PDB file of N, CA and C in Angstrom:
ATOM      1  N   MET A   1      51.803  78.389 100.174  1.00  0.00           N
ATOM      2  CA  MET A   1      51.686  79.784 100.456  1.00  0.00           C
ATOM      3  C   MET A   1      52.165  80.069 101.814  1.00  0.00           C
ATOM      4  N   LEU A   2      51.805  79.082 103.034  1.00  0.00           N
ATOM      5  CA  LEU A   2      52.272  79.157 104.362  1.00  0.00           C
ATOM      6  C   LEU A   2      53.719  79.049 104.157  1.00  0.00           C
ATOM      7  N   TYR A   3      54.294  77.795 103.216  1.00  0.00           N
ATOM      8  CA  TYR A   3      55.905  77.312 103.446  1.00  0.00           C
ATOM      9  C   TYR A   3      56.925  78.688 102.617  1.00  0.00           C
ATOM     10  N   ASP A   4      55.852  79.743 101.835  1.00  0.00           N
ATOM     11  CA  ASP A   4      57.212  80.712 101.597  1.00  0.00           C
ATOM     12  C   ASP A   4      56.715  81.911 102.477  1.00  0.00           C
ATOM     13  N   SER A   5      55.772  82.261 103.418  1.00  0.00           N
ATOM     14  CA  SER A   5      55.355  83.205 104.379  1.00  0.00           C
ATOM     15  C   SER A   5      56.837  82.434 105.277  1.00  0.00           C
ATOM     16  N   LEU A   6      57.038  81.158 105.639  1.00  0.00           N
ATOM     17  CA  LEU A   6      57.829  80.842 106.823  1.00  0.00           C
ATOM     18  C   LEU A   6      59.302  80.702 106.488  1.00  0.00           C
ATOM     19  N   LEU A   7      59.618  81.087 104.982  1.00  0.00           N
ATOM     20  CA  LEU A   7      60.786  81.479 104.783  1.00  0.00           C
ATOM     21  C   LEU A   7      61.131  82.856 104.191  1.00  0.00           C
ATOM     22  N   ASP A   8      60.304  83.769 104.295  1.00  0.00           N
ATOM     23  CA  ASP A   8      60.434  84.596 104.218  1.00  0.00           C
ATOM     24  C   ASP A   8      61.521  85.694 104.748  1.00  0.00           C
ATOM     25  N   ARG A   9      62.500  86.267 104.091  1.00  0.00           N
ATOM     26  CA  ARG A   9      63.470  86.639 104.765  1.00  0.00           C
ATOM     27  C   ARG A   9      63.383  88.390 105.746  1.00  0.00           C
ATOM     28  N   ARG A  10      62.389  88.804 105.329  1.00  0.00           N
ATOM     29  CA  ARG A  10      61.946  90.017 106.048  1.00  0.00           C
ATOM     30  C   ARG A  10      61.142  89.588 107.369  1.00  0.00           C
ATOM     31  N   HIS A  11      60.557  88.620 107.085  1.00  0.00           N
ATOM     32  CA  HIS A  11      59.947  87.640 108.451  1.00  0.00           C
ATOM     33  C   HIS A  11      60.882  86.649 109.515  1.00  0.00           C
ATOM     34  N   TRP A  12      61.844  86.679 108.727  1.00  0.00           N
ATOM     35  CA  TRP A  12      62.757  86.004 109.653  1.00  0.00           C
ATOM     36  C   TRP A  12      63.429  87.051 110.539  1.00  0.00           C
ATOM     37  N   LEU A  13      64.133  88.481 109.743  1.00  0.00           N
ATOM     38  CA  LEU A  13      64.689  89.186 110.294  1.00  0.00           C
ATOM     39  C   LEU A  13      63.973  90.312 111.596  1.00  0.00           C
ATOM     40  N   THR A  14      62.755  90.399 111.195  1.00  0.00           N
ATOM     41  CA  THR A  14      61.543  90.701 112.067  1.00  0.00           C
ATOM     42  C   THR A  14      61.443  90.024 113.219  1.00  0.00           C
ATOM     43  N   THR A  15      61.410  88.854 113.212  1.00  0.00           N
ATOM     44  CA  THR A  15      60.973  88.108 114.008  1.00  0.00           C
ATOM     45  C   THR A  15      62.860  87.833 115.035  1.00  0.00           C
ATOM     46  N   MET A  16      63.437  87.876 114.405  1.00  0.00           N
ATOM     47  CA  MET A  16      64.753  87.814 115.421  1.00  0.00           C
ATOM     48  C   MET A  16      65.359  88.831 116.146  1.00  0.00           C
ATOM     49  N   ALA A  17      64.930  89.792 115.594  1.00  0.00           N
ATOM     50  CA  ALA A  17      65.252  91.608 115.875  1.00  0.00           C
ATOM     51  C   ALA A  17      64.539  91.767 117.504  1.00  0.00           C
ATOM     52  N   SER A  18      62.798  91.046 117.428  1.00  0.00           N
ATOM     53  CA  SER A  18      62.426  90.803 118.246  1.00  0.00           C
ATOM     54  C   SER A  18      62.766  90.209 119.449  1.00  0.00           C
ATOM     55  N   ALA A  19      62.986  89.314 119.451  1.00  0.00           N
ATOM     56  CA  ALA A  19      63.642  87.983 120.468  1.00  0.00           C
ATOM     57  C   ALA A  19      64.604  88.454 120.571  1.00  0.00           C
ATOM     58  N   ALA A  20      65.723  89.494 120.119  1.00  0.00           N
ATOM     59  CA  ALA A  20      67.166  89.825 120.630  1.00  0.00           C
ATOM     60  C   ALA A  20      66.987  90.608 121.238  1.00  0.00           C
ATOM     61  N   ALA A  21      65.747  92.038 121.334  1.00  0.00           N
ATOM     62  CA  ALA A  21      65.110  92.870 121.737  1.00  0.00           C
ATOM     63  C   ALA A  21      64.587  92.502 123.435  1.00  0.00           C
ATOM     64  N   SER A  22      64.195  91.493 123.323  1.00  0.00           N
ATOM     65  CA  SER A  22      63.140  91.021 124.436  1.00  0.00           C
ATOM     66  C   SER A  22      64.072  90.472 125.007  1.00  0.00           C
ATOM     67  N   ALA A  23      65.244  89.506 124.482  1.00  0.00           N
ATOM     68  CA  ALA A  23      66.321  89.428 125.734  1.00  0.00           C
ATOM     69  C   ALA A  23      67.358  89.911 126.367  1.00  0.00           C
ATOM     70  N   MET A  24      67.062  91.142 125.885  1.00  0.00           N
ATOM     71  CA  MET A  24      68.212  92.652 125.995  1.00  0.00           C
ATOM     72  C   MET A  24      67.235  93.064 127.282  1.00  0.00           C
ATOM     73  N   ALA A  25      65.701  93.642 126.947  1.00  0.00           N
ATOM     74  CA  ALA A  25      64.694  93.519 128.325  1.00  0.00           C
ATOM     75  C   ALA A  25      64.941  93.143 129.365  1.00  0.00           C
ATOM     76  N   MET A  26      64.954  91.439 129.282  1.00  0.00           N
ATOM     77  CA  MET A  26      64.943  90.550 130.314  1.00  0.00           C
ATOM     78  C   MET A  26      66.090  90.796 131.297  1.00  0.00           C
ATOM     79  N   ASN A  27      67.563  91.107 130.334  1.00  0.00           N
ATOM     80  CA  ASN A  27      68.098  90.838 131.016  1.00  0.00           C
ATOM     81  C   ASN A  27      68.748  92.326 131.835  1.00  0.00           C
ATOM     82  N   HIS A  28      67.825  93.155 131.629  1.00  0.00           N
ATOM     83  CA  HIS A  28      68.138  94.512 132.122  1.00  0.00           C
ATOM     84  C   HIS A  28      69.806  95.346 131.124  1.00  0.00           C
ATOM     85  N   ALA A  29      69.992  94.819 130.298  1.00  0.00           N
ATOM     86  CA  ALA A  29      71.221  95.310 129.385  1.00  0.00           C
ATOM     87  C   ALA A  29      70.823  96.882 129.166  1.00  0.00           C
ATOM     88  N   PRO A  30      69.995  97.352 128.786  1.00  0.00           N
ATOM     89  CA  PRO A  30      69.512  98.650 128.562  1.00  0.00           C
ATOM     90  C   PRO A  30      69.966  99.413 129.225  1.00  0.00           C
ATOM     91  N   ARG A  31      69.915  99.280 130.685  1.00  0.00           N
ATOM     92  CA  ARG A  31      69.924 100.058 132.214  1.00  0.00           C
ATOM     93  C   ARG A  31      71.549  99.797 132.198  1.00  0.00           C
ATOM     94  N   LEU A  32      72.328  98.690 131.969  1.00  0.00           N
ATOM     95  CA  LEU A  32      73.621  98.699 132.326  1.00  0.00           C
ATOM     96  C   LEU A  32      74.322  99.364 131.286  1.00  0.00           C
ATOM     97  N   ILE A  33      73.678  99.275 129.855  1.00  0.00           N
ATOM     98  CA  ILE A  33      74.361  99.506 128.903  1.00  0.00           C
ATOM     99  C   ILE A  33      74.491 101.497 129.174  1.00  0.00           C
ATOM    100  N   ALA A  34      73.474 102.084 129.531  1.00  0.00           N
ATOM    101  CA  ALA A  34      73.163 103.043 129.905  1.00  0.00           C
ATOM    102  C   ALA A  34      74.086 103.666 130.930  1.00  0.00           C
ATOM    103  N   ALA A  35      74.479 103.063 132.239  1.00  0.00           N
ATOM    104  CA  ALA A  35      74.953 103.040 133.547  1.00  0.00           C
ATOM    105  C   ALA A  35      76.485 103.670 132.943  1.00  0.00           C
ATOM    106  N   ASP A  36      77.082 102.755 131.992  1.00  0.00           N
ATOM    107  CA  ASP A  36      78.268 102.593 131.956  1.00  0.00           C
ATOM    108  C   ASP A  36      78.892 103.639 130.824  1.00  0.00           C
ATOM    109  N   SER A  37      77.973 103.833 130.005  1.00  0.00           N
ATOM    110  CA  SER A  37      78.227 104.517 128.844  1.00  0.00           C
ATOM    111  C   SER A  37      78.383 106.166 129.591  1.00  0.00           C
ATOM    112  N   GLN A  38      79.544 107.045 128.934  1.00  0.00           N
ATOM    113  CA  GLN A  38      79.405 108.180 128.939  1.00  0.00           C
ATOM    114  C   GLN A  38      79.334 109.000 127.816  1.00  0.00           C
ATOM    115  N   PRO A  39      78.598 110.454 127.894  1.00  0.00           N
ATOM    116  CA  PRO A  39      78.724 111.060 126.456  1.00  0.00           C
ATOM    117  C   PRO A  39      79.623 111.258 125.950  1.00  0.00           C
ATOM    118  N   PRO A  40      80.041 111.063 124.287  1.00  0.00           N
ATOM    119  CA  PRO A  40      81.681 111.139 123.864  1.00  0.00           C
ATOM    120  C   PRO A  40      81.851 113.045 124.268  1.00  0.00           C
ATOM    121  N   VAL A  41      82.908 112.756 124.018  1.00  0.00           N
ATOM    122  CA  VAL A  41      83.826 114.491 124.228  1.00  0.00           C
ATOM    123  C   VAL A  41      84.383 114.459 123.031  1.00  0.00           C
ATOM    124  N   ALA A  42      84.084 115.647 122.541  1.00  0.00           N
ATOM    125  CA  ALA A  42      84.618 115.933 120.517  1.00  0.00           C
ATOM    126  C   ALA A  42      86.289 116.292 121.117  1.00  0.00           C
ATOM    127  N   THR A  43      86.938 115.649 120.001  1.00  0.00           N
ATOM    128  CA  THR A  43      88.778 116.149 120.192  1.00  0.00           C
ATOM    129  C   THR A  43      89.018 116.643 119.052  1.00  0.00           C
ATOM    130  N   ALA A  44      88.584 116.640 117.986  1.00  0.00           N
ATOM    131  CA  ALA A  44      89.078 116.755 116.801  1.00  0.00           C
ATOM    132  C   ALA A  44      88.522 118.038 116.164  1.00  0.00           C
ATOM    133  N   ASP A  45      89.431 118.617 115.779  1.00  0.00           N
ATOM    134  CA  ASP A  45      89.110 120.017 114.972  1.00  0.00           C
ATOM    135  C   ASP A  45      88.389 120.088 113.704  1.00  0.00           C
ATOM    136  N   ASN A  46      89.204 118.952 112.696  1.00  0.00           N
ATOM    137  CA  ASN A  46      88.805 118.928 111.536  1.00  0.00           C
ATOM    138  C   ASN A  46      88.581 117.568 111.027  1.00  0.00           C
ATOM    139  N   MET A  47      87.599 116.956 110.012  1.00  0.00           N
ATOM    140  CA  MET A  47      87.484 115.512 109.539  1.00  0.00           C
ATOM    141  C   MET A  47      87.785 115.597 108.222  1.00  0.00           C
ATOM    142  N   ILE A  48      88.035 114.417 107.792  1.00  0.00           N
ATOM    143  CA  ILE A  48      88.163 114.395 106.143  1.00  0.00           C
ATOM    144  C   ILE A  48      87.273 113.294 105.869  1.00  0.00           C
ATOM    145  N   LEU A  49      86.566 113.592 104.620  1.00  0.00           N
ATOM    146  CA  LEU A  49      85.692 112.741 104.308  1.00  0.00           C
ATOM    147  C   LEU A  49      85.584 112.379 103.068  1.00  0.00           C
ATOM    148  N   LEU A  50      86.375 111.032 102.592  1.00  0.00           N
ATOM    149  CA  LEU A  50      86.750 110.600 101.384  1.00  0.00           C
ATOM    150  C   LEU A  50      85.289 109.732 100.955  1.00  0.00           C
ATOM    151  N   TRP A  51      84.511 110.675  99.765  1.00  0.00           N
ATOM    152  CA  TRP A  51      83.386 109.975  99.275  1.00  0.00           C
ATOM    153  C   TRP A  51      83.760 109.717  97.778  1.00  0.00           C
ATOM    154  N   MET A  52      83.803 107.812  97.986  1.00  0.00           N
ATOM    155  CA  MET A  52      84.266 107.345  96.650  1.00  0.00           C
ATOM    156  C   MET A  52      83.089 106.544  96.338  1.00  0.00           C
ATOM    157  N   ALA A  53      82.115 107.304  95.829  1.00  0.00           N
ATOM    158  CA  ALA A  53      81.049 106.464  95.091  1.00  0.00           C
ATOM    159  C   ALA A  53      81.324 105.691  94.028  1.00  0.00           C
ATOM    160  N   GLY A  54      80.580 104.314  94.229  1.00  0.00           N
ATOM    161  CA  GLY A  54      81.018 103.671  93.276  1.00  0.00           C
ATOM    162  C   GLY A  54      82.407 102.398  93.608  1.00  0.00           C
ATOM    163  N   GLY A  55      83.087 103.035  94.771  1.00  0.00           N
ATOM    164  CA  GLY A  55      84.417 102.113  94.932  1.00  0.00           C
ATOM    165  C   GLY A  55      85.561 102.090  93.689  1.00  0.00           C
ATOM    166  N   MET A  56      86.412 101.456  93.795  1.00  0.00           N
ATOM    167  CA  MET A  56      87.809 101.383  93.384  1.00  0.00           C
ATOM    168  C   MET A  56      87.212 100.416  92.125  1.00  0.00           C
ATOM    169  N   ALA A  57      88.022 100.847  90.403  1.00  0.00           N
ATOM    170  CA  ALA A  57      87.657 100.160  89.457  1.00  0.00           C
ATOM    171  C   ALA A  57      88.478  99.016  89.641  1.00  0.00           C
ATOM    172  N   HIS A  58      87.718  97.979  89.194  1.00  0.00           N
ATOM    173  CA  HIS A  58      88.128  96.548  88.975  1.00  0.00           C
ATOM    174  C   HIS A  58      89.847  96.288  88.232  1.00  0.00           C
ATOM    175  N   THR A  59      89.851  97.077  87.273  1.00  0.00           N
ATOM    176  CA  THR A  59      91.286  97.432  86.596  1.00  0.00           C
ATOM    177  C   THR A  59      92.732  97.674  87.534  1.00  0.00           C
ATOM    178  N   GLU A  60      91.950  98.622  88.707  1.00  0.00           N
ATOM    179  CA  GLU A  60      93.242  99.061  89.649  1.00  0.00           C
ATOM    180  C   GLU A  60      93.241  98.321  90.946  1.00  0.00           C
ATOM    181  N   THR A  61      92.851  96.781  91.320  1.00  0.00           N
ATOM    182  CA  THR A  61      92.739  96.304  91.882  1.00  0.00           C
ATOM    183  C   THR A  61      93.025  94.419  91.953  1.00  0.00           C
ATOM    184  N   PHE A  62      91.814  93.961  91.912  1.00  0.00           N
ATOM    185  CA  PHE A  62      91.964  92.791  92.588  1.00  0.00           C
ATOM    186  C   PHE A  62      92.010  91.892  90.775  1.00  0.00           C
ATOM    187  N   ASP A  63      91.897  92.664  89.573  1.00  0.00           N
ATOM    188  CA  ASP A  63      91.635  92.296  88.510  1.00  0.00           C
ATOM    189  C   ASP A  63      92.596  92.925  87.158  1.00  0.00           C
ATOM    190  N   PRO A  64      93.954  93.093  87.593  1.00  0.00           N
ATOM    191  CA  PRO A  64      94.635  93.716  86.487  1.00  0.00           C
ATOM    192  C   PRO A  64      95.110  93.583  84.920  1.00  0.00           C
ATOM    193  N   LYS A  65      95.098  94.740  84.390  1.00  0.00           N
ATOM    194  CA  LYS A  65      94.744  94.539  82.931  1.00  0.00           C
ATOM    195  C   LYS A  65      96.099  94.528  82.408  1.00  0.00           C
ATOM    196  N   ASN A  66      96.066  95.181  81.446  1.00  0.00           N
ATOM    197  CA  ASN A  66      97.773  95.228  80.354  1.00  0.00           C
ATOM    198  C   ASN A  66      97.683  96.994  80.739  1.00  0.00           C
ATOM    199  N   TYR A  67      98.902  96.833  81.610  1.00  0.00           N
ATOM    200  CA  TYR A  67      99.385  98.224  81.761  1.00  0.00           C
ATOM    201  C   TYR A  67     100.485  98.352  80.776  1.00  0.00           C
ATOM    202  N   ILE A  68     100.092  99.383  80.333  1.00  0.00           N
ATOM    203  CA  ILE A  68     101.258 100.749  79.267  1.00  0.00           C
ATOM    204  C   ILE A  68     101.432 101.986  80.218  1.00  0.00           C
ATOM    205  N   PRO A  69     102.762 102.189  80.316  1.00  0.00           N
ATOM    206  CA  PRO A  69     103.481 103.148  80.955  1.00  0.00           C
ATOM    207  C   PRO A  69     102.578 104.385  80.091  1.00  0.00           C
ATOM    208  N   PHE A  70     102.190 105.559  80.905  1.00  0.00           N
ATOM    209  CA  PHE A  70     101.612 106.866  79.960  1.00  0.00           C
ATOM    210  C   PHE A  70     102.875 107.597  79.312  1.00  0.00           C
ATOM    211  N   SER A  71     102.715 107.901  78.154  1.00  0.00           N
ATOM    212  CA  SER A  71     103.651 108.693  77.130  1.00  0.00           C
ATOM    213  C   SER A  71     102.789 109.785  76.674  1.00  0.00           C
ATOM    214  N   PRO A  72     103.230 110.759  75.937  1.00  0.00           N
ATOM    215  CA  PRO A  72     102.163 111.552  75.213  1.00  0.00           C
ATOM    216  C   PRO A  72     102.271 111.347  74.243  1.00  0.00           C
ATOM    217  N   GLY A  73     100.472 111.440  74.095  1.00  0.00           N
ATOM    218  CA  GLY A  73      99.876 111.113  72.287  1.00  0.00           C
ATOM    219  C   GLY A  73      99.488 109.604  72.352  1.00  0.00           C
ATOM    220  N   ILE A  74      99.154 108.783  73.630  1.00  0.00           N
ATOM    221  CA  ILE A  74      99.070 107.289  73.856  1.00  0.00           C
ATOM    222  C   ILE A  74      97.843 107.383  73.823  1.00  0.00           C
ATOM    223  N   GLU A  75      97.215 106.481  72.355  1.00  0.00           N
ATOM    224  CA  GLU A  75      95.567 106.125  72.339  1.00  0.00           C
ATOM    225  C   GLU A  75      95.056 105.677  74.082  1.00  0.00           C
ATOM    226  N   THR A  76      93.812 106.817  74.279  1.00  0.00           N
ATOM    227  CA  THR A  76      93.361 106.047  75.412  1.00  0.00           C
ATOM    228  C   THR A  76      92.560 104.717  75.264  1.00  0.00           C
ATOM    229  N   LYS A  77      92.096 104.413  74.117  1.00  0.00           N
ATOM    230  CA  LYS A  77      92.000 102.889  74.035  1.00  0.00           C
ATOM    231  C   LYS A  77      92.591 102.066  74.525  1.00  0.00           C
ATOM    232  N   ARG A  78      94.048 101.968  74.544  1.00  0.00           N
ATOM    233  CA  ARG A  78      95.225 101.611  74.871  1.00  0.00           C
ATOM    234  C   ARG A  78      95.595 101.319  76.317  1.00  0.00           C
ATOM    235  N   VAL A  79      94.905 101.968  77.000  1.00  0.00           N
ATOM    236  CA  VAL A  79      94.999 102.396  78.595  1.00  0.00           C
ATOM    237  C   VAL A  79      94.004 101.429  79.295  1.00  0.00           C
ATOM    238  N   LEU A  80      94.864 100.374  79.659  1.00  0.00           N
ATOM    239  CA  LEU A  80      93.360  99.511  80.543  1.00  0.00           C
ATOM    240  C   LEU A  80      93.762  99.631  81.761  1.00  0.00           C
ATOM    241  N   SER A  81      94.759  99.923  82.472  1.00  0.00           N
ATOM    242  CA  SER A  81      95.352 100.167  83.499  1.00  0.00           C
ATOM    243  C   SER A  81      96.620 101.172  83.826  1.00  0.00           C
ATOM    244  N   THR A  82      96.297 101.829  85.042  1.00  0.00           N
ATOM    245  CA  THR A  82      97.358 102.612  85.123  1.00  0.00           C
ATOM    246  C   THR A  82      98.603 102.514  86.033  1.00  0.00           C
ATOM    247  N   PHE A  83      98.669 100.809  86.549  1.00  0.00           N
ATOM    248  CA  PHE A  83      99.160 100.479  87.588  1.00  0.00           C
ATOM    249  C   PHE A  83      99.516  99.097  87.193  1.00  0.00           C
ATOM    250  N   PRO A  84     100.857  99.200  87.126  1.00  0.00           N
ATOM    251  CA  PRO A  84     101.374  97.415  87.076  1.00  0.00           C
ATOM    252  C   PRO A  84     100.896  96.484  87.864  1.00  0.00           C
ATOM    253  N   ALA A  85     101.118  95.013  87.195  1.00  0.00           N
ATOM    254  CA  ALA A  85     100.414  93.837  88.115  1.00  0.00           C
ATOM    255  C   ALA A  85     101.599  93.446  88.730  1.00  0.00           C
ATOM    256  N   ILE A  86     101.317  92.997  89.823  1.00  0.00           N
ATOM    257  CA  ILE A  86     102.255  92.289  91.012  1.00  0.00           C
ATOM    258  C   ILE A  86     101.796  90.693  91.426  1.00  0.00           C
ATOM    259  N   ASP A  87     102.895  90.101  91.736  1.00  0.00           N
ATOM    260  CA  ASP A  87     102.482  88.670  91.738  1.00  0.00           C
ATOM    261  C   ASP A  87     102.085  88.908  93.443  1.00  0.00           C
ATOM    262  N   THR A  88     100.992  87.757  93.806  1.00  0.00           N
ATOM    263  CA  THR A  88     100.936  87.602  95.356  1.00  0.00           C
ATOM    264  C   THR A  88     101.522  86.328  95.707  1.00  0.00           C
ATOM    265  N   SER A  89     101.166  85.916  96.494  1.00  0.00           N
ATOM    266  CA  SER A  89     101.467  84.449  97.527  1.00  0.00           C
ATOM    267  C   SER A  89     101.048  83.491  96.999  1.00  0.00           C
ATOM    268  N   ALA A  90      99.737  83.448  96.420  1.00  0.00           N
ATOM    269  CA  ALA A  90      99.406  82.335  95.629  1.00  0.00           C
ATOM    270  C   ALA A  90      99.702  82.240  94.237  1.00  0.00           C
ATOM    271  N   ASP A  91      99.765  81.363  93.596  1.00  0.00           N
ATOM    272  CA  ASP A  91      99.945  80.786  92.397  1.00  0.00           C
ATOM    273  C   ASP A  91      99.364  81.602  91.385  1.00  0.00           C
ATOM    274  N   SER A  92      99.752  81.614  90.421  1.00  0.00           N
ATOM    275  CA  SER A  92      98.776  82.566  89.320  1.00  0.00           C
ATOM    276  C   SER A  92      98.102  83.710  89.966  1.00  0.00           C
ATOM    277  N   ILE A  93      98.125  83.972  91.114  1.00  0.00           N
ATOM    278  CA  ILE A  93      97.280  85.287  90.995  1.00  0.00           C
ATOM    279  C   ILE A  93      97.940  86.505  91.096  1.00  0.00           C
ATOM    280  N   GLN A  94      97.455  87.703  90.411  1.00  0.00           N
ATOM    281  CA  GLN A  94      98.093  89.040  90.488  1.00  0.00           C
ATOM    282  C   GLN A  94      97.078  90.046  91.170  1.00  0.00           C
ATOM    283  N   PHE A  95      97.532  91.026  91.490  1.00  0.00           N
ATOM    284  CA  PHE A  95      97.137  92.028  92.072  1.00  0.00           C
ATOM    285  C   PHE A  95      97.888  93.409  91.083  1.00  0.00           C
ATOM    286  N   THR A  96      97.042  94.321  91.046  1.00  0.00           N
ATOM    287  CA  THR A  96      97.688  95.688  90.605  1.00  0.00           C
ATOM    288  C   THR A  96      98.788  96.325  91.909  1.00  0.00           C
ATOM    289  N   ALA A  97      99.757  96.872  91.508  1.00  0.00           N
ATOM    290  CA  ALA A  97     100.720  97.703  92.220  1.00  0.00           C
ATOM    291  C   ALA A  97     100.046  98.664  93.016  1.00  0.00           C
ATOM    292  N   GLY A  98     100.667  98.367  94.548  1.00  0.00           N
ATOM    293  CA  GLY A  98      99.788  99.379  95.246  1.00  0.00           C
ATOM    294  C   GLY A  98      99.118  98.470  96.734  1.00  0.00           C
ATOM    295  N   LEU A  99      98.784  97.376  95.968  1.00  0.00           N
ATOM    296  CA  LEU A  99      98.338  96.117  96.685  1.00  0.00           C
ATOM    297  C   LEU A  99      99.161  95.129  97.461  1.00  0.00           C
ATOM    298  N   GLU A 100     100.356  95.501  98.266  1.00  0.00           N
ATOM    299  CA  GLU A 100     101.345  94.893  98.288  1.00  0.00           C
ATOM    300  C   GLU A 100     101.105  93.947  99.496  1.00  0.00           C
ATOM    301  N   GLU A 101     100.433  94.567 100.517  1.00  0.00           N
ATOM    302  CA  GLU A 101     100.447  93.660 102.090  1.00  0.00           C
ATOM    303  C   GLU A 101      99.307  92.961 101.636  1.00  0.00           C
ATOM    304  N   MET A 102      97.981  92.860 101.291  1.00  0.00           N
ATOM    305  CA  MET A 102      97.196  92.249 100.560  1.00  0.00           C
ATOM    306  C   MET A 102      97.754  91.023  99.878  1.00  0.00           C
ATOM    307  N   ALA A 103      98.577  91.624  98.917  1.00  0.00           N
ATOM    308  CA  ALA A 103      99.158  90.072  97.914  1.00  0.00           C
ATOM    309  C   ALA A 103      99.831  89.302  98.909  1.00  0.00           C
ATOM    310  N   SER A 104     100.576  89.864  99.683  1.00  0.00           N
ATOM    311  CA  SER A 104     101.838  88.986 100.821  1.00  0.00           C
ATOM    312  C   SER A 104     101.147  87.787 101.606  1.00  0.00           C
ATOM    313  N   VAL A 105      99.544  88.098 101.351  1.00  0.00           N
ATOM    314  CA  VAL A 105      99.155  86.932 102.194  1.00  0.00           C
ATOM    315  C   VAL A 105      97.586  86.652 101.302  1.00  0.00           C
ATOM    316  N   MET A 106      97.612  86.718 100.140  1.00  0.00           N
ATOM    317  CA  MET A 106      96.608  85.813  99.705  1.00  0.00           C
ATOM    318  C   MET A 106      96.919  84.495  99.587  1.00  0.00           C
ATOM    319  N   ASN A 107      97.881  84.083 100.217  1.00  0.00           N
ATOM    320  CA  ASN A 107      97.821  82.508 100.070  1.00  0.00           C
ATOM    321  C   ASN A 107      96.844  81.945 101.250  1.00  0.00           C
ATOM    322  N   LYS A 108      96.682  82.722 102.014  1.00  0.00           N
ATOM    323  CA  LYS A 108      95.732  82.394 103.236  1.00  0.00           C
ATOM    324  C   LYS A 108      94.526  82.879 102.881  1.00  0.00           C
ATOM    325  N   GLY A 109      93.792  83.588 102.343  1.00  0.00           N
ATOM    326  CA  GLY A 109      92.769  84.120 102.059  1.00  0.00           C
ATOM    327  C   GLY A 109      91.936  83.973 100.181  1.00  0.00           C
ATOM    328  N   THR A 110      90.479  83.853 100.048  1.00  0.00           N
ATOM    329  CA  THR A 110      90.045  83.761  99.073  1.00  0.00           C
ATOM    330  C   THR A 110      89.761  84.847  97.925  1.00  0.00           C
ATOM    331  N   LEU A 111      89.666  84.712  96.684  1.00  0.00           N
ATOM    332  CA  LEU A 111      89.728  86.005  96.116  1.00  0.00           C
ATOM    333  C   LEU A 111      88.029  85.734  95.040  1.00  0.00           C
ATOM    334  N   ILE A 112      86.836  86.423  95.340  1.00  0.00           N
ATOM    335  CA  ILE A 112      85.877  85.910  94.488  1.00  0.00           C
ATOM    336  C   ILE A 112      85.892  87.246  93.667  1.00  0.00           C
ATOM    337  N   ARG A 113      85.605  86.960  92.163  1.00  0.00           N
ATOM    338  CA  ARG A 113      85.835  88.006  91.069  1.00  0.00           C
ATOM    339  C   ARG A 113      84.373  87.884  90.515  1.00  0.00           C
ATOM    340  N   THR A 114      83.505  87.175  91.374  1.00  0.00           N
ATOM    341  CA  THR A 114      82.111  87.978  90.409  1.00  0.00           C
ATOM    342  C   THR A 114      81.231  87.896  91.647  1.00  0.00           C
ATOM    343  N   PHE A 115      80.409  88.638  90.988  1.00  0.00           N
ATOM    344  CA  PHE A 115      79.135  89.090  91.928  1.00  0.00           C
ATOM    345  C   PHE A 115      78.132  89.773  91.175  1.00  0.00           C
ATOM    346  N   THR A 116      76.891  88.529  91.811  1.00  0.00           N
ATOM    347  CA  THR A 116      75.675  89.151  91.119  1.00  0.00           C
ATOM    348  C   THR A 116      74.432  89.375  91.968  1.00  0.00           C
ATOM    349  N   CYS A 117      73.729  90.536  91.529  1.00  0.00           N
ATOM    350  CA  CYS A 117      72.650  90.584  92.424  1.00  0.00           C
ATOM    351  C   CYS A 117      71.444  90.580  91.855  1.00  0.00           C
TER     352      CYS A 117
END
């Protein structure tokens, strides 16, 4: 039981947050931050908010599926992607069109296609 409480994530985060706050208080960091900062001045008249709940579909990004160009009367079950696949700078990896800049540097990155909660 004691071993489990020592490895508890929430307990560890609480302890680290307390330690960081104590270190900042000892170094007078809050006073220094407050002295250097000025209140923000609003300069924009408008704001654009893109609410993209759920994110992009995997078939339109890093996991391209069979692309079939649109034509009148096409069966919807045949359409798996609305963009064609493009090659990346890494062998055997393709992205969908629209991600050309990412595709050009894919040989320097890693793509993880699986995530489990």
